[in-house]
C-alpha cells in the first residue's frame, strides 16, 4: 500500500453500505466489538464520527460467514 492514497470511509452509515449491511446491524457489530475498530474519529458538525480505511472494511466483509470463497467452519462432532 506504500505510495497509494488510503481511501477512508467516514461514519457508520457509509461503513454499513460498504459492507452491505443495514446501518442498525453495523452499529450493533461495532458496539459488540464484532466489527473492525475505526482507525480514528473525525469531528463532523460537532459529532465524532468513526473513520475506517476502506481496505479494512473490504477484508472484514470478505471474511464473514456466508461469503462465497470463504472456507466453511468445521462442524462439531455430534454425539451418537
PDB file of N, CA and C in Angstrom:
ATOM      1  N   UNK A   1       0.813  -1.193   0.000  1.00  0.00           N
ATOM      2  CA  UNK A   1       0.000   0.000   0.000  1.00  0.00           C
ATOM      3  C   UNK A   1       0.857   1.257   0.000  1.00  0.00           C
ATOM      4  N   UNK A   2       2.161   1.108   0.066  1.00  0.00           N
ATOM      5  CA  UNK A   2       3.006   2.292   0.085  1.00  0.00           C
ATOM      6  C   UNK A   2       2.845   3.070  -1.208  1.00  0.00           C
ATOM      7  N   UNK A   3       2.786   4.376  -1.086  1.00  0.00           N
ATOM      8  CA  UNK A   3       2.628   5.232  -2.249  1.00  0.00           C
ATOM      9  C   UNK A   3       1.192   5.420  -2.699  1.00  0.00           C
ATOM     10  N   UNK A   4       0.270   4.619  -2.170  1.00  0.00           N
ATOM     11  CA  UNK A   4      -1.130   4.727  -2.566  1.00  0.00           C
ATOM     12  C   UNK A   4      -1.894   5.504  -1.507  1.00  0.00           C
ATOM     13  N   UNK A   5      -2.843   6.299  -1.957  1.00  0.00           N
ATOM     14  CA  UNK A   5      -3.715   7.002  -1.011  1.00  0.00           C
ATOM     15  C   UNK A   5      -4.661   5.980  -0.402  1.00  0.00           C
ATOM     16  N   UNK A   6      -4.851   6.060   0.891  1.00  0.00           N
ATOM     17  CA  UNK A   6      -5.769   5.145   1.555  1.00  0.00           C
ATOM     18  C   UNK A   6      -7.152   5.765   1.570  1.00  0.00           C
ATOM     19  N   UNK A   7      -8.078   5.095   0.923  1.00  0.00           N
ATOM     20  CA  UNK A   7      -9.455   5.575   0.901  1.00  0.00           C
ATOM     21  C   UNK A   7     -10.047   5.413   2.295  1.00  0.00           C
ATOM     22  N   UNK A   8     -10.705   6.453   2.767  1.00  0.00           N
ATOM     23  CA  UNK A   8     -11.324   6.420   4.085  1.00  0.00           C
ATOM     24  C   UNK A   8     -12.838   6.392   3.957  1.00  0.00           C
ATOM     25  N   UNK A   9     -13.477   5.702   4.882  1.00  0.00           N
ATOM     26  CA  UNK A   9     -14.930   5.625   4.961  1.00  0.00           C
ATOM     27  C   UNK A   9     -15.316   6.299   6.274  1.00  0.00           C
ATOM     28  N   UNK A  10     -16.107   7.369   6.175  1.00  0.00           N
ATOM     29  CA  UNK A  10     -16.455   8.169   7.353  1.00  0.00           C
ATOM     30  C   UNK A  10     -17.902   7.906   7.754  1.00  0.00           C
ATOM     31  N   UNK A  11     -18.105   7.482   8.989  1.00  0.00           N
ATOM     32  CA  UNK A  11     -19.443   7.316   9.542  1.00  0.00           C
ATOM     33  C   UNK A  11     -19.977   5.898   9.425  1.00  0.00           C
ATOM     34  N   UNK A  12     -20.873   5.571  10.341  1.00  0.00           N
ATOM     35  CA  UNK A  12     -21.453   4.232  10.380  1.00  0.00           C
ATOM     36  C   UNK A  12     -22.297   3.918   9.151  1.00  0.00           C
ATOM     37  N   UNK A  13     -23.045   4.880   8.648  1.00  0.00           N
ATOM     38  CA  UNK A  13     -23.904   4.613   7.502  1.00  0.00           C
ATOM     39  C   UNK A  13     -23.077   4.270   6.263  1.00  0.00           C
ATOM     40  N   UNK A  14     -22.001   5.021   6.042  1.00  0.00           N
ATOM     41  CA  UNK A  14     -21.134   4.745   4.889  1.00  0.00           C
ATOM     42  C   UNK A  14     -20.432   3.401   5.055  1.00  0.00           C
ATOM     43  N   UNK A  15     -20.012   3.073   6.266  1.00  0.00           N
ATOM     44  CA  UNK A  15     -19.365   1.788   6.516  1.00  0.00           C
ATOM     45  C   UNK A  15     -20.354   0.648   6.290  1.00  0.00           C
ATOM     46  N   UNK A  16     -21.579   0.813   6.772  1.00  0.00           N
ATOM     47  CA  UNK A  16     -22.609  -0.216   6.579  1.00  0.00           C
ATOM     48  C   UNK A  16     -22.867  -0.446   5.091  1.00  0.00           C
ATOM     49  N   UNK A  17     -22.961   0.624   4.333  1.00  0.00           N
ATOM     50  CA  UNK A  17     -23.182   0.491   2.894  1.00  0.00           C
ATOM     51  C   UNK A  17     -22.004  -0.223   2.227  1.00  0.00           C
ATOM     52  N   UNK A  18     -20.799   0.080   2.665  1.00  0.00           N
ATOM     53  CA  UNK A  18     -19.594  -0.528   2.078  1.00  0.00           C
ATOM     54  C   UNK A  18     -19.585  -2.041   2.269  1.00  0.00           C
ATOM     55  N   UNK A  19     -20.046  -2.505   3.438  1.00  0.00           N
ATOM     56  CA  UNK A  19     -20.019  -3.945   3.729  1.00  0.00           C
ATOM     57  C   UNK A  19     -21.384  -4.607   3.493  1.00  0.00           C
ATOM     58  N   UNK A  20     -22.304  -3.855   2.909  1.00  0.00           N
ATOM     59  CA  UNK A  20     -23.631  -4.352   2.520  1.00  0.00           C
ATOM     60  C   UNK A  20     -24.452  -4.870   3.709  1.00  0.00           C
ATOM     61  N   UNK A  21     -24.501  -4.038   4.766  1.00  0.00           N
ATOM     62  CA  UNK A  21     -25.334  -4.326   5.929  1.00  0.00           C
ATOM     63  C   UNK A  21     -26.251  -3.135   6.188  1.00  0.00           C
ATOM     64  N   UNK A  22     -27.331  -3.381   6.918  1.00  0.00           N
ATOM     65  CA  UNK A  22     -28.179  -2.282   7.344  1.00  0.00           C
ATOM     66  C   UNK A  22     -27.412  -1.482   8.405  1.00  0.00           C
ATOM     67  N   UNK A  23     -27.610  -0.145   8.445  1.00  0.00           N
ATOM     68  CA  UNK A  23     -26.898   0.670   9.433  1.00  0.00           C
ATOM     69  C   UNK A  23     -27.082   0.191  10.876  1.00  0.00           C
ATOM     70  N   UNK A  24     -28.278  -0.241  11.240  1.00  0.00           N
ATOM     71  CA  UNK A  24     -28.516  -0.700  12.616  1.00  0.00           C
ATOM     72  C   UNK A  24     -27.700  -1.961  12.919  1.00  0.00           C
ATOM     73  N   UNK A  25     -27.596  -2.855  11.947  1.00  0.00           N
ATOM     74  CA  UNK A  25     -26.799  -4.075  12.129  1.00  0.00           C
ATOM     75  C   UNK A  25     -25.334  -3.718  12.294  1.00  0.00           C
ATOM     76  N   UNK A  26     -24.831  -2.810  11.452  1.00  0.00           N
ATOM     77  CA  UNK A  26     -23.434  -2.392  11.543  1.00  0.00           C
ATOM     78  C   UNK A  26     -23.141  -1.752  12.905  1.00  0.00           C
ATOM     79  N   UNK A  27     -24.032  -0.856  13.352  1.00  0.00           N
ATOM     80  CA  UNK A  27     -23.818  -0.205  14.654  1.00  0.00           C
ATOM     81  C   UNK A  27     -23.779  -1.239  15.778  1.00  0.00           C
ATOM     82  N   UNK A  28     -24.634  -2.268  15.693  1.00  0.00           N
ATOM     83  CA  UNK A  28     -24.636  -3.333  16.699  1.00  0.00           C
ATOM     84  C   UNK A  28     -23.291  -4.059  16.675  1.00  0.00           C
ATOM     85  N   UNK A  29     -22.790  -4.396  15.497  1.00  0.00           N
ATOM     86  CA  UNK A  29     -21.491  -5.073  15.386  1.00  0.00           C
ATOM     87  C   UNK A  29     -20.375  -4.212  15.978  1.00  0.00           C
ATOM     88  N   UNK A  30     -20.409  -2.913  15.710  1.00  0.00           N
ATOM     89  CA  UNK A  30     -19.399  -2.001  16.256  1.00  0.00           C
ATOM     90  C   UNK A  30     -19.494  -1.983  17.776  1.00  0.00           C
ATOM     91  N   UNK A  31     -20.714  -1.846  18.282  1.00  0.00           N
ATOM     92  CA  UNK A  31     -20.937  -1.787  19.735  1.00  0.00           C
ATOM     93  C   UNK A  31     -20.471  -3.067  20.431  1.00  0.00           C
ATOM     94  N   UNK A  32     -20.711  -4.222  19.804  1.00  0.00           N
ATOM     95  CA  UNK A  32     -20.358  -5.511  20.404  1.00  0.00           C
ATOM     96  C   UNK A  32     -18.892  -5.892  20.163  1.00  0.00           C
ATOM     97  N   UNK A  33     -18.182  -5.097  19.371  1.00  0.00           N
ATOM     98  CA  UNK A  33     -16.788  -5.410  19.082  1.00  0.00           C
ATOM     99  C   UNK A  33     -16.610  -6.449  17.990  1.00  0.00           C
ATOM    100  N   UNK A  34     -17.679  -6.731  17.231  1.00  0.00           N
ATOM    101  CA  UNK A  34     -17.604  -7.722  16.155  1.00  0.00           C
ATOM    102  C   UNK A  34     -17.112  -7.113  14.849  1.00  0.00           C
ATOM    103  N   UNK A  35     -17.114  -5.811  14.741  1.00  0.00           N
ATOM    104  CA  UNK A  35     -16.642  -5.113  13.547  1.00  0.00           C
ATOM    105  C   UNK A  35     -15.233  -4.585  13.810  1.00  0.00           C
ATOM    106  N   UNK A  36     -14.498  -4.268  12.747  1.00  0.00           N
ATOM    107  CA  UNK A  36     -13.160  -3.704  12.969  1.00  0.00           C
ATOM    108  C   UNK A  36     -13.241  -2.372  13.710  1.00  0.00           C
ATOM    109  N   UNK A  37     -12.229  -2.104  14.509  1.00  0.00           N
ATOM    110  CA  UNK A  37     -12.161  -0.829  15.220  1.00  0.00           C
ATOM    111  C   UNK A  37     -11.841   0.285  14.217  1.00  0.00           C
ATOM    112  N   UNK A  38     -12.479   1.460  14.357  1.00  0.00           N
ATOM    113  CA  UNK A  38     -12.114   2.575  13.479  1.00  0.00           C
ATOM    114  C   UNK A  38     -10.676   3.004  13.775  1.00  0.00           C
ATOM    115  N   UNK A  39      -9.985   3.518  12.763  1.00  0.00           N
ATOM    116  CA  UNK A  39      -8.595   3.919  12.994  1.00  0.00           C
ATOM    117  C   UNK A  39      -8.504   5.320  13.595  1.00  0.00           C
ATOM    118  N   UNK A  40      -9.604   6.083  13.518  1.00  0.00           N
ATOM    119  CA  UNK A  40      -9.649   7.394  14.164  1.00  0.00           C
ATOM    120  C   UNK A  40     -11.088   7.886  14.173  1.00  0.00           C
ATOM    121  N   UNK A  41     -11.299   9.040  14.782  1.00  0.00           N
ATOM    122  CA  UNK A  41     -12.609   9.696  14.764  1.00  0.00           C
ATOM    123  C   UNK A  41     -12.432  11.081  14.169  1.00  0.00           C
ATOM    124  N   UNK A  42     -13.442  11.522  13.440  1.00  0.00           N
ATOM    125  CA  UNK A  42     -13.392  12.821  12.768  1.00  0.00           C
ATOM    126  C   UNK A  42     -14.560  13.672  13.241  1.00  0.00           C
ATOM    127  N   UNK A  43     -14.285  14.917  13.591  1.00  0.00           N
ATOM    128  CA  UNK A  43     -15.319  15.829  14.055  1.00  0.00           C
ATOM    129  C   UNK A  43     -16.065  16.390  12.838  1.00  0.00           C
ATOM    130  N   UNK A  44     -17.337  16.009  12.718  1.00  0.00           N
ATOM    131  CA  UNK A  44     -18.184  16.484  11.628  1.00  0.00           C
ATOM    132  C   UNK A  44     -19.427  17.108  12.250  1.00  0.00           C
ATOM    133  N   UNK A  45     -19.555  18.417  12.108  1.00  0.00           N
ATOM    134  CA  UNK A  45     -20.710  19.155  12.647  1.00  0.00           C
ATOM    135  C   UNK A  45     -20.933  18.847  14.124  1.00  0.00           C
ATOM    136  N   UNK A  46     -19.853  18.804  14.881  1.00  0.00           N
ATOM    137  CA  UNK A  46     -19.958  18.591  16.313  1.00  0.00           C
ATOM    138  C   UNK A  46     -20.099  17.149  16.757  1.00  0.00           C
ATOM    139  N   UNK A  47     -20.023  16.206  15.815  1.00  0.00           N
ATOM    140  CA  UNK A  47     -20.139  14.786  16.149  1.00  0.00           C
ATOM    141  C   UNK A  47     -18.827  14.087  15.806  1.00  0.00           C
ATOM    142  N   UNK A  48     -18.378  13.228  16.700  1.00  0.00           N
ATOM    143  CA  UNK A  48     -17.146  12.469  16.471  1.00  0.00           C
ATOM    144  C   UNK A  48     -17.503  11.189  15.720  1.00  0.00           C
ATOM    145  N   UNK A  49     -17.382  11.231  14.383  1.00  0.00           N
ATOM    146  CA  UNK A  49     -17.730  10.079  13.562  1.00  0.00           C
ATOM    147  C   UNK A  49     -16.540   9.142  13.420  1.00  0.00           C
ATOM    148  N   UNK A  50     -16.803   7.818  13.485  1.00  0.00           N
ATOM    149  CA  UNK A  50     -15.715   6.869  13.294  1.00  0.00           C
ATOM    150  C   UNK A  50     -15.269   6.860  11.836  1.00  0.00           C
ATOM    151  N   UNK A  51     -13.970   6.607  11.635  1.00  0.00           N
ATOM    152  CA  UNK A  51     -13.392   6.564  10.292  1.00  0.00           C
ATOM    153  C   UNK A  51     -12.620   5.258  10.147  1.00  0.00           C
ATOM    154  N   UNK A  52     -12.926   4.515   9.078  1.00  0.00           N
ATOM    155  CA  UNK A  52     -12.229   3.274   8.771  1.00  0.00           C
ATOM    156  C   UNK A  52     -11.521   3.419   7.435  1.00  0.00           C
ATOM    157  N   UNK A  53     -10.442   2.654   7.258  1.00  0.00           N
ATOM    158  CA  UNK A  53      -9.855   2.518   5.930  1.00  0.00           C
ATOM    159  C   UNK A  53     -10.739   1.553   5.152  1.00  0.00           C
ATOM    160  N   UNK A  54     -10.994   1.867   3.880  1.00  0.00           N
ATOM    161  CA  UNK A  54     -11.853   1.035   3.044  1.00  0.00           C
ATOM    162  C   UNK A  54     -11.311  -0.388   2.925  1.00  0.00           C
ATOM    163  N   UNK A  55      -9.981  -0.531   2.789  1.00  0.00           N
ATOM    164  CA  UNK A  55      -9.428  -1.875   2.616  1.00  0.00           C
ATOM    165  C   UNK A  55      -9.646  -2.744   3.861  1.00  0.00           C
ATOM    166  N   UNK A  56      -9.726  -2.135   5.046  1.00  0.00           N
ATOM    167  CA  UNK A  56     -10.002  -2.892   6.276  1.00  0.00           C
ATOM    168  C   UNK A  56     -11.438  -3.401   6.246  1.00  0.00           C
ATOM    169  N   UNK A  57     -12.370  -2.541   5.845  1.00  0.00           N
ATOM    170  CA  UNK A  57     -13.776  -2.964   5.751  1.00  0.00           C
ATOM    171  C   UNK A  57     -13.952  -4.039   4.694  1.00  0.00           C
ATOM    172  N   UNK A  58     -13.284  -3.886   3.554  1.00  0.00           N
ATOM    173  CA  UNK A  58     -13.388  -4.877   2.475  1.00  0.00           C
ATOM    174  C   UNK A  58     -12.880  -6.240   2.941  1.00  0.00           C
ATOM    175  N   UNK A  59     -11.749  -6.253   3.646  1.00  0.00           N
ATOM    176  CA  UNK A  59     -11.193  -7.519   4.145  1.00  0.00           C
ATOM    177  C   UNK A  59     -12.121  -8.146   5.181  1.00  0.00           C
ATOM    178  N   UNK A  60     -12.685  -7.302   6.062  1.00  0.00           N
ATOM    179  CA  UNK A  60     -13.599  -7.810   7.076  1.00  0.00           C
ATOM    180  C   UNK A  60     -14.832  -8.427   6.416  1.00  0.00           C
ATOM    181  N   UNK A  61     -15.400  -7.736   5.432  1.00  0.00           N
ATOM    182  CA  UNK A  61     -16.601  -8.231   4.751  1.00  0.00           C
ATOM    183  C   UNK A  61     -16.318  -9.551   4.036  1.00  0.00           C
ATOM    184  N   UNK A  62     -15.149  -9.670   3.431  1.00  0.00           N
ATOM    185  CA  UNK A  62     -14.796 -10.892   2.697  1.00  0.00           C
ATOM    186  C   UNK A  62     -14.605 -12.088   3.628  1.00  0.00           C
ATOM    187  N   UNK A  63     -14.295 -11.824   4.896  1.00  0.00           N
ATOM    188  CA  UNK A  63     -14.038 -12.919   5.838  1.00  0.00           C
ATOM    189  C   UNK A  63     -15.273 -13.354   6.614  1.00  0.00           C
ATOM    190  N   UNK A  64     -16.408 -12.711   6.360  1.00  0.00           N
ATOM    191  CA  UNK A  64     -17.627 -13.039   7.094  1.00  0.00           C
ATOM    192  C   UNK A  64     -18.218 -14.365   6.647  1.00  0.00           C
ATOM    193  N   UNK A  65     -18.867 -15.103   7.567  1.00  0.00           N
ATOM    194  CA  UNK A  65     -19.529 -16.353   7.182  1.00  0.00           C
ATOM    195  C   UNK A  65     -20.563 -16.119   6.089  1.00  0.00           C
ATOM    196  N   UNK A  66     -20.672 -17.072   5.186  1.00  0.00           N
ATOM    197  CA  UNK A  66     -21.644 -16.973   4.105  1.00  0.00           C
ATOM    198  C   UNK A  66     -21.137 -16.241   2.889  1.00  0.00           C
ATOM    199  N   UNK A  67     -19.907 -15.761   2.935  1.00  0.00           N
ATOM    200  CA  UNK A  67     -19.333 -15.070   1.790  1.00  0.00           C
ATOM    201  C   UNK A  67     -18.729 -16.113   0.859  1.00  0.00           C
ATOM    202  N   UNK A  68     -19.094 -16.123  -0.436  1.00  0.00           N
ATOM    203  CA  UNK A  68     -18.533 -17.110  -1.357  1.00  0.00           C
ATOM    204  C   UNK A  68     -17.005 -17.077  -1.354  1.00  0.00           C
ATOM    205  N   UNK A  69     -16.420 -18.281  -1.357  1.00  0.00           N
ATOM    206  CA  UNK A  69     -14.971 -18.388  -1.384  1.00  0.00           C
ATOM    207  C   UNK A  69     -14.346 -18.475  -0.005  1.00  0.00           C
ATOM    208  N   UNK A  70     -15.124 -18.183   1.015  1.00  0.00           N
ATOM    209  CA  UNK A  70     -14.598 -18.285   2.377  1.00  0.00           C
ATOM    210  C   UNK A  70     -14.786 -19.722   2.847  1.00  0.00           C
ATOM    211  N   UNK A  71     -13.758 -20.324   3.459  1.00  0.00           N
ATOM    212  CA  UNK A  71     -13.903 -21.709   3.931  1.00  0.00           C
ATOM    213  C   UNK A  71     -15.006 -21.822   4.972  1.00  0.00           C
ATOM    214  N   UNK A  72     -15.744 -22.924   4.921  1.00  0.00           N
ATOM    215  CA  UNK A  72     -16.798 -23.159   5.901  1.00  0.00           C
ATOM    216  C   UNK A  72     -16.195 -23.521   7.239  1.00  0.00           C
ATOM    217  N   UNK A  73     -16.916 -23.202   8.301  1.00  0.00           N
ATOM    218  CA  UNK A  73     -16.489 -23.607   9.638  1.00  0.00           C
ATOM    219  C   UNK A  73     -16.667 -25.114   9.767  1.00  0.00           C
ATOM    220  N   UNK A  74     -15.765 -25.744  10.503  1.00  0.00           N
ATOM    221  CA  UNK A  74     -15.881 -27.179  10.750  1.00  0.00           C
ATOM    222  C   UNK A  74     -17.056 -27.430  11.680  1.00  0.00           C
ATOM    223  N   UNK A  75     -17.832 -28.445  11.369  1.00  0.00           N
ATOM    224  CA  UNK A  75     -18.970 -28.779  12.229  1.00  0.00           C
ATOM    225  C   UNK A  75     -18.485 -29.567  13.445  1.00  0.00           C
ATOM    226  N   UNK A  76     -19.090 -29.285  14.560  1.00  0.00           N
ATOM    227  CA  UNK A  76     -18.742 -30.023  15.782  1.00  0.00           C
ATOM    228  C   UNK A  76     -19.219 -31.457  15.617  1.00  0.00           C
ATOM    229  N   UNK A  77     -18.448 -32.386  16.103  1.00  0.00           N
ATOM    230  CA  UNK A  77     -18.824 -33.795  16.033  1.00  0.00           C
ATOM    231  C   UNK A  77     -20.069 -33.984  16.884  1.00  0.00           C
ATOM    232  N   UNK A  78     -21.018 -34.706  16.329  1.00  0.00           N
ATOM    233  CA  UNK A  78     -22.272 -34.952  17.061  1.00  0.00           C
ATOM    234  C   UNK A  78     -22.167 -36.253  17.839  1.00  0.00           C
ATOM    235  N   UNK A  79     -22.699 -36.240  19.038  1.00  0.00           N
ATOM    236  CA  UNK A  79     -22.725 -37.471  19.851  1.00  0.00           C
ATOM    237  C   UNK A  79     -23.752 -38.421  19.275  1.00  0.00           C
ATOM    238  N   UNK A  80     -23.431 -39.683  19.203  1.00  0.00           N
ATOM    239  CA  UNK A  80     -24.377 -40.668  18.647  1.00  0.00           C
ATOM    240  C   UNK A  80     -25.059 -41.465  19.712  1.00  0.00           C
TER     241      UNK A  80
END
